[in-house]
Amino acid sequence: MKKSFVYLCFIVFAFVSVDIEAQSIKLPSPEFSTDLLSALKPGSDSGLASDVSSKVETENKSFVSDVVGIMGSSDDDDAKKSKIASRKKEREGVLGKAFGNDTALSSYKKQVNSKIKPFKRKYKMASLIF
């Protein structure tokens, strides 16, 4: 009995003492960029003018490309987080100028948030971006 208890304690200790590392920011799967772009695309029912829609789509492509580039870089996690936050602020400014009024922008953000929810579960990095 004592011998099996000692073995059990040793096994439990071995599993508990394994070095657990936090999730690091790394390049997600290739589907990440296409899924993110599809979630960011303004819907046809949003009533946006074609020039505004094209500006938003261009900014979204640039944003996704930049974020994927940041995630794939060799910087440390803190630098990656700060670069992503900086790019996120820049995107907010561009979207604010493109939409012009706050109601259209807030409607677009609500639409994006509803589309992005499943991707936050699938890609943990999406929760860092949004």
C-alpha atoms as a PDB file:
ATOM      1  CA  MET A   1       0.000   0.000   0.000  1.00  0.00           C
ATOM      2  CA  LYS A   2       2.773   2.422   0.948  1.00  0.00           C
ATOM      3  CA  LYS A   3       4.717   1.520  -2.151  1.00  0.00           C
ATOM      4  CA  SER A   4       1.787   2.236  -4.486  1.00  0.00           C
ATOM      5  CA  PHE A   5       1.105   5.505  -2.657  1.00  0.00           C
ATOM      6  CA  VAL A   6       4.728   6.586  -3.153  1.00  0.00           C
ATOM      7  CA  TYR A   7       4.527   5.721  -6.857  1.00  0.00           C
ATOM      8  CA  LEU A   8       1.266   7.611  -7.201  1.00  0.00           C
ATOM      9  CA  CYS A   9       2.737  10.665  -5.471  1.00  0.00           C
ATOM     10  CA  PHE A  10       5.782  10.531  -7.725  1.00  0.00           C
ATOM     11  CA  ILE A  11       3.631  10.356 -10.868  1.00  0.00           C
ATOM     12  CA  VAL A  12       1.399  13.223  -9.733  1.00  0.00           C
ATOM     13  CA  PHE A  13       4.454  15.307  -8.850  1.00  0.00           C
ATOM     14  CA  ALA A  14       5.975  14.607 -12.267  1.00  0.00           C
ATOM     15  CA  PHE A  15       2.850  15.832 -14.051  1.00  0.00           C
ATOM     16  CA  VAL A  16       2.447  18.899 -11.855  1.00  0.00           C
ATOM     17  CA  SER A  17       6.069  19.967 -12.029  1.00  0.00           C
ATOM     18  CA  VAL A  18       6.178  20.029 -15.839  1.00  0.00           C
ATOM     19  CA  ASP A  19       7.052  23.526 -16.995  1.00  0.00           C
ATOM     20  CA  ILE A  20       3.844  25.104 -18.242  1.00  0.00           C
ATOM     21  CA  GLU A  21       4.388  27.911 -20.704  1.00  0.00           C
ATOM     22  CA  ALA A  22       1.928  30.689 -21.515  1.00  0.00           C
ATOM     23  CA  GLN A  23       0.511  30.898 -25.005  1.00  0.00           C
ATOM     24  CA  SER A  24       2.885  32.861 -27.163  1.00  0.00           C
ATOM     25  CA  ILE A  25       1.913  34.988 -30.115  1.00  0.00           C
ATOM     26  CA  LYS A  26       2.743  33.075 -33.246  1.00  0.00           C
ATOM     27  CA  LEU A  27       1.540  32.945 -36.809  1.00  0.00           C
ATOM     28  CA  PRO A  28      -1.907  31.323 -36.951  1.00  0.00           C
ATOM     29  CA  SER A  29      -3.086  28.910 -39.611  1.00  0.00           C
ATOM     30  CA  PRO A  30      -3.438  30.117 -43.225  1.00  0.00           C
ATOM     31  CA  GLU A  31      -7.226  30.187 -42.910  1.00  0.00           C
ATOM     32  CA  PHE A  32      -6.924  32.912 -40.274  1.00  0.00           C
ATOM     33  CA  SER A  33      -6.462  35.732 -42.767  1.00  0.00           C
ATOM     34  CA  THR A  34      -9.278  34.606 -45.076  1.00  0.00           C
ATOM     35  CA  ASP A  35     -11.652  34.053 -42.154  1.00  0.00           C
ATOM     36  CA  LEU A  36     -10.772  37.421 -40.655  1.00  0.00           C
ATOM     37  CA  LEU A  37     -11.229  39.195 -43.989  1.00  0.00           C
ATOM     38  CA  SER A  38     -14.637  37.600 -44.460  1.00  0.00           C
ATOM     39  CA  ALA A  39     -15.687  38.750 -40.986  1.00  0.00           C
ATOM     40  CA  LEU A  40     -14.475  42.299 -41.625  1.00  0.00           C
ATOM     41  CA  LYS A  41     -16.154  42.625 -45.017  1.00  0.00           C
ATOM     42  CA  PRO A  42     -19.059  45.078 -44.902  1.00  0.00           C
ATOM     43  CA  GLY A  43     -22.297  43.379 -45.806  1.00  0.00           C
ATOM     44  CA  SER A  44     -24.256  44.309 -48.901  1.00  0.00           C
ATOM     45  CA  ASP A  45     -27.185  45.236 -46.661  1.00  0.00           C
ATOM     46  CA  SER A  46     -25.138  47.852 -44.785  1.00  0.00           C
ATOM     47  CA  GLY A  47     -26.163  50.569 -47.261  1.00  0.00           C
ATOM     48  CA  LEU A  48     -22.653  51.945 -47.704  1.00  0.00           C
ATOM     49  CA  ALA A  49     -21.688  53.936 -50.756  1.00  0.00           C
ATOM     50  CA  SER A  50     -19.366  52.080 -53.112  1.00  0.00           C
ATOM     51  CA  ASP A  51     -16.424  54.422 -52.439  1.00  0.00           C
ATOM     52  CA  VAL A  52     -16.776  53.983 -48.668  1.00  0.00           C
ATOM     53  CA  SER A  53     -17.110  50.230 -49.071  1.00  0.00           C
ATOM     54  CA  SER A  54     -13.973  50.061 -51.223  1.00  0.00           C
ATOM     55  CA  LYS A  55     -12.018  52.186 -48.693  1.00  0.00           C
ATOM     56  CA  VAL A  56     -13.118  49.901 -45.875  1.00  0.00           C
ATOM     57  CA  GLU A  57     -12.220  46.746 -47.814  1.00  0.00           C
ATOM     58  CA  THR A  58      -8.799  48.169 -48.734  1.00  0.00           C
ATOM     59  CA  GLU A  59      -8.133  49.078 -45.101  1.00  0.00           C
ATOM     60  CA  ASN A  60      -9.291  45.638 -43.950  1.00  0.00           C
ATOM     61  CA  LYS A  61      -6.916  43.880 -46.361  1.00  0.00           C
ATOM     62  CA  SER A  62      -4.056  46.092 -45.226  1.00  0.00           C
ATOM     63  CA  PHE A  63      -4.948  45.552 -41.563  1.00  0.00           C
ATOM     64  CA  VAL A  64      -5.089  41.761 -41.850  1.00  0.00           C
ATOM     65  CA  SER A  65      -1.845  41.689 -43.816  1.00  0.00           C
ATOM     66  CA  ASP A  66      -0.109  43.863 -41.214  1.00  0.00           C
ATOM     67  CA  VAL A  67      -1.418  41.827 -38.271  1.00  0.00           C
ATOM     68  CA  VAL A  68      -0.344  38.531 -39.840  1.00  0.00           C
ATOM     69  CA  GLY A  69       3.059  40.074 -40.549  1.00  0.00           C
ATOM     70  CA  ILE A  70       3.378  41.207 -36.937  1.00  0.00           C
ATOM     71  CA  MET A  71       2.392  37.774 -35.633  1.00  0.00           C
ATOM     72  CA  GLY A  72       4.949  36.098 -37.876  1.00  0.00           C
ATOM     73  CA  SER A  73       7.776  38.430 -36.903  1.00  0.00           C
ATOM     74  CA  SER A  74      10.629  37.474 -34.601  1.00  0.00           C
ATOM     75  CA  ASP A  75       9.810  40.173 -32.019  1.00  0.00           C
ATOM     76  CA  ASP A  76       8.994  39.252 -28.441  1.00  0.00           C
ATOM     77  CA  ASP A  77       5.352  38.998 -27.346  1.00  0.00           C
ATOM     78  CA  ASP A  78       5.224  42.416 -25.671  1.00  0.00           C
ATOM     79  CA  ALA A  79       6.496  44.129 -28.820  1.00  0.00           C
ATOM     80  CA  LYS A  80       3.969  42.216 -30.910  1.00  0.00           C
ATOM     81  CA  LYS A  81       1.126  43.242 -28.600  1.00  0.00           C
ATOM     82  CA  SER A  82       2.123  46.904 -28.722  1.00  0.00           C
ATOM     83  CA  LYS A  83       2.454  46.836 -32.527  1.00  0.00           C
ATOM     84  CA  ILE A  84      -0.961  45.198 -32.875  1.00  0.00           C
ATOM     85  CA  ALA A  85      -2.500  47.779 -30.520  1.00  0.00           C
ATOM     86  CA  SER A  86      -0.884  50.590 -32.504  1.00  0.00           C
ATOM     87  CA  ARG A  87      -2.156  49.175 -35.793  1.00  0.00           C
ATOM     88  CA  LYS A  88      -5.604  48.743 -34.255  1.00  0.00           C
ATOM     89  CA  LYS A  89      -5.682  52.448 -33.304  1.00  0.00           C
ATOM     90  CA  GLU A  90      -4.558  53.406 -36.794  1.00  0.00           C
ATOM     91  CA  ARG A  91      -7.365  51.301 -38.267  1.00  0.00           C
ATOM     92  CA  GLU A  92      -9.925  52.991 -36.016  1.00  0.00           C
ATOM     93  CA  GLY A  93      -8.833  56.384 -37.353  1.00  0.00           C
ATOM     94  CA  VAL A  94      -9.060  55.279 -40.974  1.00  0.00           C
ATOM     95  CA  LEU A  95     -12.495  53.738 -40.437  1.00  0.00           C
ATOM     96  CA  GLY A  96     -13.690  56.881 -38.655  1.00  0.00           C
ATOM     97  CA  LYS A  97     -12.668  59.009 -41.630  1.00  0.00           C
ATOM     98  CA  ALA A  98     -14.159  56.576 -44.146  1.00  0.00           C
ATOM     99  CA  PHE A  99     -17.554  56.273 -42.467  1.00  0.00           C
ATOM    100  CA  GLY A 100     -17.876  59.897 -41.468  1.00  0.00           C
ATOM    101  CA  ASN A 101     -20.804  59.487 -39.069  1.00  0.00           C
ATOM    102  CA  ASP A 102     -20.823  57.541 -35.842  1.00  0.00           C
ATOM    103  CA  THR A 103     -24.053  55.626 -36.447  1.00  0.00           C
ATOM    104  CA  ALA A 104     -22.760  53.936 -39.603  1.00  0.00           C
ATOM    105  CA  LEU A 105     -19.456  53.129 -37.900  1.00  0.00           C
ATOM    106  CA  SER A 106     -21.136  51.695 -34.800  1.00  0.00           C
ATOM    107  CA  SER A 107     -23.460  49.635 -36.995  1.00  0.00           C
ATOM    108  CA  TYR A 108     -20.443  48.268 -38.895  1.00  0.00           C
ATOM    109  CA  LYS A 109     -18.643  47.459 -35.618  1.00  0.00           C
ATOM    110  CA  LYS A 110     -21.684  45.591 -34.297  1.00  0.00           C
ATOM    111  CA  GLN A 111     -21.856  43.605 -37.532  1.00  0.00           C
ATOM    112  CA  VAL A 112     -18.141  42.752 -37.308  1.00  0.00           C
ATOM    113  CA  ASN A 113     -18.377  41.767 -33.628  1.00  0.00           C
ATOM    114  CA  SER A 114     -21.233  39.372 -34.350  1.00  0.00           C
ATOM    115  CA  LYS A 115     -19.256  37.803 -37.214  1.00  0.00           C
ATOM    116  CA  ILE A 116     -16.004  37.607 -35.248  1.00  0.00           C
ATOM    117  CA  LYS A 117     -17.372  35.752 -32.184  1.00  0.00           C
ATOM    118  CA  PRO A 118     -16.916  32.234 -33.635  1.00  0.00           C
ATOM    119  CA  PHE A 119     -13.382  33.111 -34.705  1.00  0.00           C
ATOM    120  CA  LYS A 120     -12.473  34.164 -31.169  1.00  0.00           C
ATOM    121  CA  ARG A 121     -13.031  30.560 -30.145  1.00  0.00           C
ATOM    122  CA  LYS A 122     -11.331  29.087 -33.201  1.00  0.00           C
ATOM    123  CA  TYR A 123      -8.366  31.487 -33.241  1.00  0.00           C
ATOM    124  CA  LYS A 124      -7.327  32.737 -29.821  1.00  0.00           C
ATOM    125  CA  MET A 125      -5.429  35.581 -31.494  1.00  0.00           C
ATOM    126  CA  ALA A 126      -8.689  37.110 -32.727  1.00  0.00           C
ATOM    127  CA  SER A 127      -9.546  38.048 -29.150  1.00  0.00           C
ATOM    128  CA  LEU A 128      -6.290  40.025 -28.960  1.00  0.00           C
ATOM    129  CA  ILE A 129      -7.137  41.924 -32.119  1.00  0.00           C
ATOM    130  CA  PHE A 130     -10.781  42.711 -31.296  1.00  0.00           C
END
